[in-house]
Structures are given as C-alpha cells and as structure tokens.
Amino acid sequence: MTIPRKALVDSQSPGFYHCTNRCVRRAFLCGFDKDTGHDYSHRKSWIEKRIIELSNLFAVDVYAYAVMSNHYHIVLYIDPQAPQKWSDEEIADRWLKLYPSKTEERELFRKQAILNSPETLNGHPV
C-alpha cells in the first residue's frame, strides 16, 4: 500500500530519503528495448542533468542515484529549514530558473511580481 509523501516526509526535521520511480506497462526509461528495437540510451544523460539542475534549485542534496532501463533510485537529503535562510531575491531567482520567461523584459516583470508577493515568497503561490 502506498503512503502519501506528506505522511512520510517530516516538514520540520532534516532527513535522508531513498526514492524510486518506475515506468509501467513495459515502457523503457533508457537503454535498448529489445522488444521494439528502439534505443532510449540518450535519456539517461537527460535524467542525470535534470536531477542535478533541480537539486540546485530546491533545498535538496543528492547523495546518490542510479538510472536503470525502467526505473531510477535516488538518495536525497532534505532540509526543510534551509529555504528560511534564502533572501527574497534568491527565492525569486530560483523560481525564475525553474519557470523561465521568453524575454528579459518579461523576466524582470515577473521577478518584481514575485518579490511583491508574500504568498509566493512563503511557498503559497496564488
């Protein structure tokens, strides 16, 4: 039986978590699929780059990961209090790296909107 993350992750205390994610219905995440003849090896580098990119944006440290043909494992250290030390500017910059704008003008406008929104800065976007 699965348990929701909010029941597993303590929102006040730092901790280590071993997470997995798998494909279903015999789908391939990466590697060579003998049944279909398709090669998905290029996806492994995409996944690795995304793991690193996202760990730099959130208060998460990656201690280990393994990407297999139909699933991956990742060991994370989560510190829920770390974002409390970030400045409003740093929060806005991280948000915009995650959701970039198409133009620099739009990026500056959105940054100001984030900085002027206590709800967004406190993790409750409206």
N, C-alpha and C. Protein backbone atom coordinates (compact mmCIF):
# COMPACT_ATOMS: atom_id res chain seq x y z
N MET A 1 0.84 -1.18 0.00
CA MET A 1 0.00 0.00 0.00
C MET A 1 0.89 1.24 0.00
N THR A 2 0.59 2.18 -0.85
CA THR A 2 1.39 3.40 -0.92
C THR A 2 0.98 4.37 0.17
N ILE A 3 1.94 5.20 0.54
CA ILE A 3 1.72 6.21 1.57
C ILE A 3 2.03 7.57 0.95
N PRO A 4 1.17 8.57 1.14
CA PRO A 4 1.45 9.89 0.56
C PRO A 4 2.72 10.49 1.15
N ARG A 5 3.45 11.24 0.31
CA ARG A 5 4.70 11.86 0.74
C ARG A 5 4.53 12.73 1.97
N LYS A 6 3.41 13.44 2.04
CA LYS A 6 3.22 14.34 3.19
C LYS A 6 3.18 13.57 4.51
N ALA A 7 2.88 12.27 4.46
CA ALA A 7 2.89 11.44 5.67
C ALA A 7 4.27 10.85 5.92
N LEU A 8 5.15 10.85 4.93
CA LEU A 8 6.48 10.26 5.07
C LEU A 8 7.56 11.29 5.38
N VAL A 9 7.44 12.47 4.80
CA VAL A 9 8.48 13.49 4.93
C VAL A 9 8.12 14.44 6.06
N ASP A 10 9.02 14.55 7.01
CA ASP A 10 8.83 15.46 8.15
C ASP A 10 9.13 16.88 7.68
N SER A 11 8.15 17.74 7.74
CA SER A 11 8.32 19.10 7.22
C SER A 11 9.13 20.01 8.15
N GLN A 12 9.56 19.51 9.29
CA GLN A 12 10.32 20.32 10.24
C GLN A 12 11.77 19.85 10.41
N SER A 13 12.02 18.56 10.24
CA SER A 13 13.35 17.99 10.52
C SER A 13 14.05 17.55 9.24
N PRO A 14 15.37 17.81 9.16
CA PRO A 14 16.13 17.32 8.01
C PRO A 14 16.21 15.79 8.04
N GLY A 15 16.37 15.20 6.87
CA GLY A 15 16.50 13.75 6.83
C GLY A 15 16.88 13.23 5.46
N PHE A 16 17.27 11.95 5.44
CA PHE A 16 17.62 11.26 4.21
C PHE A 16 16.42 10.46 3.73
N TYR A 17 16.26 10.41 2.40
CA TYR A 17 15.15 9.67 1.81
C TYR A 17 15.63 8.92 0.58
N HIS A 18 15.25 7.65 0.50
CA HIS A 18 15.53 6.84 -0.68
C HIS A 18 14.24 6.81 -1.49
N CYS A 19 14.28 7.36 -2.69
CA CYS A 19 13.09 7.45 -3.54
C CYS A 19 13.31 6.63 -4.81
N THR A 20 12.23 6.08 -5.32
CA THR A 20 12.29 5.36 -6.59
C THR A 20 11.14 5.82 -7.47
N ASN A 21 11.33 5.65 -8.75
CA ASN A 21 10.28 5.95 -9.71
C ASN A 21 10.45 4.95 -10.84
N ARG A 22 9.36 4.34 -11.27
CA ARG A 22 9.48 3.33 -12.32
C ARG A 22 8.45 3.54 -13.42
N CYS A 23 8.79 2.99 -14.58
CA CYS A 23 7.87 3.00 -15.71
C CYS A 23 6.91 1.84 -15.58
N VAL A 24 5.77 1.96 -16.21
CA VAL A 24 4.77 0.89 -16.19
C VAL A 24 4.52 0.38 -17.60
N ARG A 25 3.81 -0.72 -17.70
CA ARG A 25 3.42 -1.32 -18.99
C ARG A 25 4.61 -1.62 -19.89
N ARG A 26 5.68 -2.08 -19.29
CA ARG A 26 6.89 -2.49 -20.00
C ARG A 26 7.55 -1.34 -20.77
N ALA A 27 7.26 -0.11 -20.38
CA ALA A 27 7.86 1.05 -21.04
C ALA A 27 9.34 1.15 -20.65
N PHE A 28 10.13 1.70 -21.53
CA PHE A 28 11.56 1.86 -21.27
C PHE A 28 11.86 3.30 -20.90
N LEU A 29 12.65 3.47 -19.86
CA LEU A 29 13.11 4.79 -19.45
C LEU A 29 14.36 5.13 -20.24
N CYS A 30 15.30 4.22 -20.26
CA CYS A 30 16.51 4.39 -21.06
C CYS A 30 17.13 3.02 -21.34
N GLY A 31 18.06 2.99 -22.30
CA GLY A 31 18.64 1.74 -22.72
C GLY A 31 18.00 1.24 -23.99
N PHE A 32 18.36 0.03 -24.38
CA PHE A 32 17.86 -0.55 -25.63
C PHE A 32 16.70 -1.50 -25.33
N ASP A 33 15.57 -1.25 -25.96
CA ASP A 33 14.38 -2.08 -25.80
C ASP A 33 14.40 -3.16 -26.89
N LYS A 34 14.68 -4.38 -26.49
CA LYS A 34 14.78 -5.49 -27.45
C LYS A 34 13.43 -5.79 -28.11
N ASP A 35 12.33 -5.56 -27.38
CA ASP A 35 11.01 -5.87 -27.94
C ASP A 35 10.62 -4.95 -29.09
N THR A 36 10.95 -3.67 -28.99
CA THR A 36 10.56 -2.71 -30.03
C THR A 36 11.71 -2.33 -30.95
N GLY A 37 12.94 -2.59 -30.51
CA GLY A 37 14.10 -2.21 -31.31
C GLY A 37 14.49 -0.75 -31.17
N HIS A 38 13.86 -0.02 -30.25
CA HIS A 38 14.18 1.39 -30.03
C HIS A 38 15.29 1.53 -28.99
N ASP A 39 16.15 2.51 -29.22
CA ASP A 39 17.24 2.80 -28.27
C ASP A 39 16.94 4.11 -27.56
N TYR A 40 16.79 4.02 -26.25
CA TYR A 40 16.49 5.19 -25.42
C TYR A 40 17.67 5.59 -24.56
N SER A 41 18.86 5.20 -24.94
CA SER A 41 20.06 5.46 -24.13
C SER A 41 20.29 6.96 -23.89
N HIS A 42 19.90 7.79 -24.85
CA HIS A 42 20.12 9.23 -24.74
C HIS A 42 19.36 9.84 -23.55
N ARG A 43 18.32 9.17 -23.08
CA ARG A 43 17.53 9.71 -21.98
C ARG A 43 18.28 9.72 -20.65
N LYS A 44 19.24 8.82 -20.49
CA LYS A 44 19.97 8.73 -19.22
C LYS A 44 20.67 10.06 -18.89
N SER A 45 21.34 10.64 -19.87
CA SER A 45 22.02 11.92 -19.62
C SER A 45 21.01 13.03 -19.35
N TRP A 46 19.84 12.99 -20.00
CA TRP A 46 18.79 13.97 -19.72
C TRP A 46 18.37 13.88 -18.26
N ILE A 47 18.13 12.67 -17.80
CA ILE A 47 17.66 12.46 -16.43
C ILE A 47 18.72 12.91 -15.43
N GLU A 48 19.97 12.54 -15.67
CA GLU A 48 21.06 12.94 -14.77
C GLU A 48 21.19 14.46 -14.70
N LYS A 49 21.13 15.13 -15.85
CA LYS A 49 21.23 16.59 -15.87
C LYS A 49 20.07 17.24 -15.12
N ARG A 50 18.87 16.68 -15.30
CA ARG A 50 17.69 17.24 -14.63
C ARG A 50 17.76 17.05 -13.11
N ILE A 51 18.25 15.92 -12.66
CA ILE A 51 18.43 15.68 -11.23
C ILE A 51 19.34 16.74 -10.63
N ILE A 52 20.46 17.00 -11.28
CA ILE A 52 21.42 17.99 -10.79
C ILE A 52 20.83 19.39 -10.84
N GLU A 53 20.17 19.71 -11.94
CA GLU A 53 19.56 21.03 -12.09
C GLU A 53 18.53 21.30 -11.00
N LEU A 54 17.65 20.34 -10.76
CA LEU A 54 16.59 20.53 -9.76
C LEU A 54 17.14 20.55 -8.34
N SER A 55 18.19 19.79 -8.07
CA SER A 55 18.76 19.80 -6.72
C SER A 55 19.40 21.16 -6.41
N ASN A 56 19.85 21.86 -7.44
CA ASN A 56 20.42 23.20 -7.24
C ASN A 56 19.35 24.27 -7.03
N LEU A 57 18.11 23.98 -7.41
CA LEU A 57 17.03 24.95 -7.26
C LEU A 57 16.25 24.78 -5.96
N PHE A 58 16.21 23.56 -5.45
CA PHE A 58 15.44 23.28 -4.24
C PHE A 58 16.38 22.99 -3.08
N ALA A 59 15.84 22.91 -1.89
CA ALA A 59 16.64 22.62 -0.69
C ALA A 59 16.82 21.12 -0.56
N VAL A 60 17.47 20.54 -1.57
CA VAL A 60 17.65 19.09 -1.64
C VAL A 60 19.08 18.80 -2.07
N ASP A 61 19.75 17.90 -1.35
CA ASP A 61 21.08 17.45 -1.75
C ASP A 61 20.95 16.01 -2.25
N VAL A 62 21.57 15.73 -3.38
CA VAL A 62 21.56 14.38 -3.94
C VAL A 62 22.82 13.67 -3.47
N TYR A 63 22.63 12.56 -2.76
CA TYR A 63 23.77 11.79 -2.26
C TYR A 63 24.12 10.65 -3.20
N ALA A 64 23.15 10.08 -3.88
CA ALA A 64 23.41 9.01 -4.84
C ALA A 64 22.20 8.85 -5.74
N TYR A 65 22.45 8.32 -6.92
CA TYR A 65 21.34 7.98 -7.81
C TYR A 65 21.80 6.88 -8.76
N ALA A 66 20.84 6.13 -9.26
CA ALA A 66 21.10 5.09 -10.26
C ALA A 66 19.93 5.10 -11.23
N VAL A 67 20.24 5.24 -12.51
CA VAL A 67 19.21 5.26 -13.55
C VAL A 67 19.30 3.94 -14.31
N MET A 68 18.23 3.15 -14.25
CA MET A 68 18.19 1.87 -14.93
C MET A 68 17.25 1.93 -16.13
N SER A 69 17.03 0.79 -16.78
CA SER A 69 16.25 0.79 -18.02
C SER A 69 14.79 1.18 -17.81
N ASN A 70 14.18 0.80 -16.69
CA ASN A 70 12.76 1.13 -16.50
C ASN A 70 12.47 1.81 -15.17
N HIS A 71 13.50 2.21 -14.42
CA HIS A 71 13.28 2.92 -13.16
C HIS A 71 14.57 3.60 -12.72
N TYR A 72 14.43 4.44 -11.69
CA TYR A 72 15.63 5.02 -11.09
C TYR A 72 15.47 5.08 -9.57
N HIS A 73 16.62 5.14 -8.91
CA HIS A 73 16.70 5.30 -7.46
C HIS A 73 17.45 6.59 -7.21
N ILE A 74 17.08 7.28 -6.14
CA ILE A 74 17.79 8.49 -5.77
C ILE A 74 17.76 8.61 -4.24
N VAL A 75 18.91 8.95 -3.67
CA VAL A 75 19.01 9.17 -2.23
C VAL A 75 19.18 10.66 -2.02
N LEU A 76 18.21 11.24 -1.29
CA LEU A 76 18.16 12.69 -1.08
C LEU A 76 18.34 13.04 0.39
N TYR A 77 18.93 14.19 0.62
CA TYR A 77 18.94 14.79 1.95
C TYR A 77 18.10 16.05 1.84
N ILE A 78 17.05 16.11 2.61
CA ILE A 78 16.13 17.25 2.55
C ILE A 78 16.22 18.02 3.85
N ASP A 79 16.45 19.32 3.72
CA ASP A 79 16.47 20.20 4.89
C ASP A 79 15.35 21.23 4.73
N PRO A 80 14.20 20.99 5.37
CA PRO A 80 13.06 21.89 5.20
C PRO A 80 13.30 23.31 5.72
N GLN A 81 14.28 23.48 6.59
CA GLN A 81 14.56 24.80 7.14
C GLN A 81 15.53 25.62 6.27
N ALA A 82 16.22 25.00 5.35
CA ALA A 82 17.21 25.69 4.51
C ALA A 82 16.62 26.89 3.76
N PRO A 83 15.43 26.79 3.16
CA PRO A 83 14.89 27.94 2.43
C PRO A 83 14.62 29.16 3.33
N GLN A 84 14.50 28.94 4.62
CA GLN A 84 14.28 30.07 5.54
C GLN A 84 15.48 31.02 5.54
N LYS A 85 16.64 30.51 5.15
CA LYS A 85 17.87 31.31 5.12
C LYS A 85 18.05 32.06 3.79
N TRP A 86 17.23 31.71 2.79
CA TRP A 86 17.35 32.35 1.49
C TRP A 86 16.74 33.74 1.52
N SER A 87 17.36 34.66 0.81
CA SER A 87 16.80 36.01 0.67
C SER A 87 15.62 35.96 -0.30
N ASP A 88 14.80 37.00 -0.26
CA ASP A 88 13.68 37.08 -1.20
C ASP A 88 14.18 37.07 -2.64
N GLU A 89 15.29 37.74 -2.87
CA GLU A 89 15.90 37.80 -4.21
C GLU A 89 16.31 36.40 -4.68
N GLU A 90 16.89 35.63 -3.78
CA GLU A 90 17.32 34.27 -4.14
C GLU A 90 16.12 33.37 -4.45
N ILE A 91 15.05 33.53 -3.69
CA ILE A 91 13.84 32.75 -3.95
C ILE A 91 13.28 33.10 -5.33
N ALA A 92 13.23 34.38 -5.65
CA ALA A 92 12.72 34.82 -6.95
C ALA A 92 13.60 34.28 -8.08
N ASP A 93 14.92 34.33 -7.90
CA ASP A 93 15.83 33.83 -8.93
C ASP A 93 15.66 32.33 -9.15
N ARG A 94 15.50 31.58 -8.08
CA ARG A 94 15.29 30.13 -8.20
C ARG A 94 13.97 29.84 -8.91
N TRP A 95 12.93 30.59 -8.56
CA TRP A 95 11.61 30.41 -9.18
C TRP A 95 11.72 30.63 -10.69
N LEU A 96 12.43 31.70 -11.08
CA LEU A 96 12.54 32.04 -12.50
C LEU A 96 13.45 31.08 -13.27
N LYS A 97 14.38 30.45 -12.59
CA LYS A 97 15.18 29.41 -13.26
C LYS A 97 14.33 28.18 -13.53
N LEU A 98 13.39 27.93 -12.64
CA LEU A 98 12.50 26.79 -12.81
C LEU A 98 11.45 27.06 -13.88
N TYR A 99 10.95 28.30 -13.90
CA TYR A 99 9.92 28.72 -14.87
C TYR A 99 10.41 29.96 -15.62
N PRO A 100 11.34 29.79 -16.55
CA PRO A 100 11.92 30.96 -17.24
C PRO A 100 10.92 31.64 -18.17
N SER A 101 11.17 32.92 -18.38
CA SER A 101 10.38 33.72 -19.33
C SER A 101 11.08 33.71 -20.68
N LYS A 102 10.34 34.10 -21.71
CA LYS A 102 10.90 34.10 -23.06
C LYS A 102 11.71 35.35 -23.34
N THR A 103 11.41 36.43 -22.64
CA THR A 103 12.15 37.67 -22.88
C THR A 103 12.70 38.19 -21.56
N GLU A 104 13.77 38.98 -21.67
CA GLU A 104 14.38 39.56 -20.47
C GLU A 104 13.43 40.56 -19.80
N GLU A 105 12.69 41.31 -20.60
CA GLU A 105 11.73 42.27 -20.06
C GLU A 105 10.66 41.56 -19.23
N ARG A 106 10.16 40.48 -19.77
CA ARG A 106 9.14 39.68 -19.06
C ARG A 106 9.72 39.09 -17.77
N GLU A 107 10.97 38.65 -17.84
CA GLU A 107 11.66 38.09 -16.68
C GLU A 107 11.75 39.12 -15.55
N LEU A 108 12.11 40.35 -15.88
CA LEU A 108 12.20 41.41 -14.87
C LEU A 108 10.83 41.73 -14.26
N PHE A 109 9.81 41.75 -15.11
CA PHE A 109 8.45 41.99 -14.64
C PHE A 109 8.00 40.89 -13.67
N ARG A 110 8.25 39.65 -14.06
CA ARG A 110 7.86 38.52 -13.20
C ARG A 110 8.64 38.51 -11.90
N LYS A 111 9.92 38.88 -11.95
CA LYS A 111 10.72 38.92 -10.72
C LYS A 111 10.14 39.95 -9.75
N GLN A 112 9.77 41.10 -10.25
CA GLN A 112 9.15 42.12 -9.40
C GLN A 112 7.83 41.62 -8.82
N ALA A 113 7.06 40.91 -9.63
CA ALA A 113 5.78 40.38 -9.16
C ALA A 113 6.01 39.37 -8.03
N ILE A 114 7.03 38.54 -8.16
CA ILE A 114 7.35 37.56 -7.11
C ILE A 114 7.81 38.29 -5.85
N LEU A 115 8.70 39.26 -6.00
CA LEU A 115 9.22 39.99 -4.84
C LEU A 115 8.13 40.78 -4.12
N ASN A 116 7.07 41.15 -4.84
CA ASN A 116 5.97 41.90 -4.23
C ASN A 116 4.85 40.99 -3.74
N SER A 117 5.06 39.68 -3.75
CA SER A 117 4.02 38.75 -3.34
C SER A 117 4.48 37.90 -2.15
N PRO A 118 4.10 38.27 -0.93
CA PRO A 118 4.48 37.48 0.24
C PRO A 118 3.99 36.03 0.16
N GLU A 119 2.83 35.80 -0.48
CA GLU A 119 2.31 34.44 -0.60
C GLU A 119 3.26 33.56 -1.43
N THR A 120 3.75 34.10 -2.53
CA THR A 120 4.66 33.33 -3.37
C THR A 120 6.00 33.13 -2.68
N LEU A 121 6.51 34.15 -2.03
CA LEU A 121 7.80 34.04 -1.34
C LEU A 121 7.74 33.06 -0.18
N ASN A 122 6.60 32.88 0.41
CA ASN A 122 6.45 31.94 1.53
C ASN A 122 6.00 30.56 1.09
N GLY A 123 6.01 30.31 -0.22
CA GLY A 123 5.70 28.98 -0.71
C GLY A 123 4.23 28.70 -0.93
N HIS A 124 3.42 29.75 -1.01
CA HIS A 124 1.99 29.57 -1.24
C HIS A 124 1.57 30.43 -2.43
N PRO A 125 1.96 30.01 -3.67
CA PRO A 125 1.60 30.83 -4.83
C PRO A 125 0.10 30.96 -4.99
N VAL A 126 -0.31 32.13 -5.43
CA VAL A 126 -1.74 32.39 -5.63
C VAL A 126 -2.09 32.30 -7.09
